[in-house]
Amino acid sequence: MELKIQRKKKRLTQQQLAELVGVDRTLISKIECGAATPSVATAKKIAAVLDFDWVKFFDDEQAATKELSKTGTDE
């Protein structure tokens, strides 16, 4: 999920998005660079502001987990 792209499409800064969502700007930054995953509640708020399906935050994570599971069982 490319949060930064979605945010820029709405012409919002990290600070503006953070204020709209009710979180600290540093959390938005960490989510954008992949250092943090939002809680379900925060994901829903961000998605509502940026107008996309909140599960997108977890689609990539689930795919990566499945891939790791495959490599772990093949050994």
Foldseek 3Di string as FASTA:
>chain_A
DQLVVLCVVVPHDLCRLCVQLVHDSVVSVCLNVVNDQDDLSSLVSSCVVSVDDSCVSCPVVVVVVVVVVVVVVVD
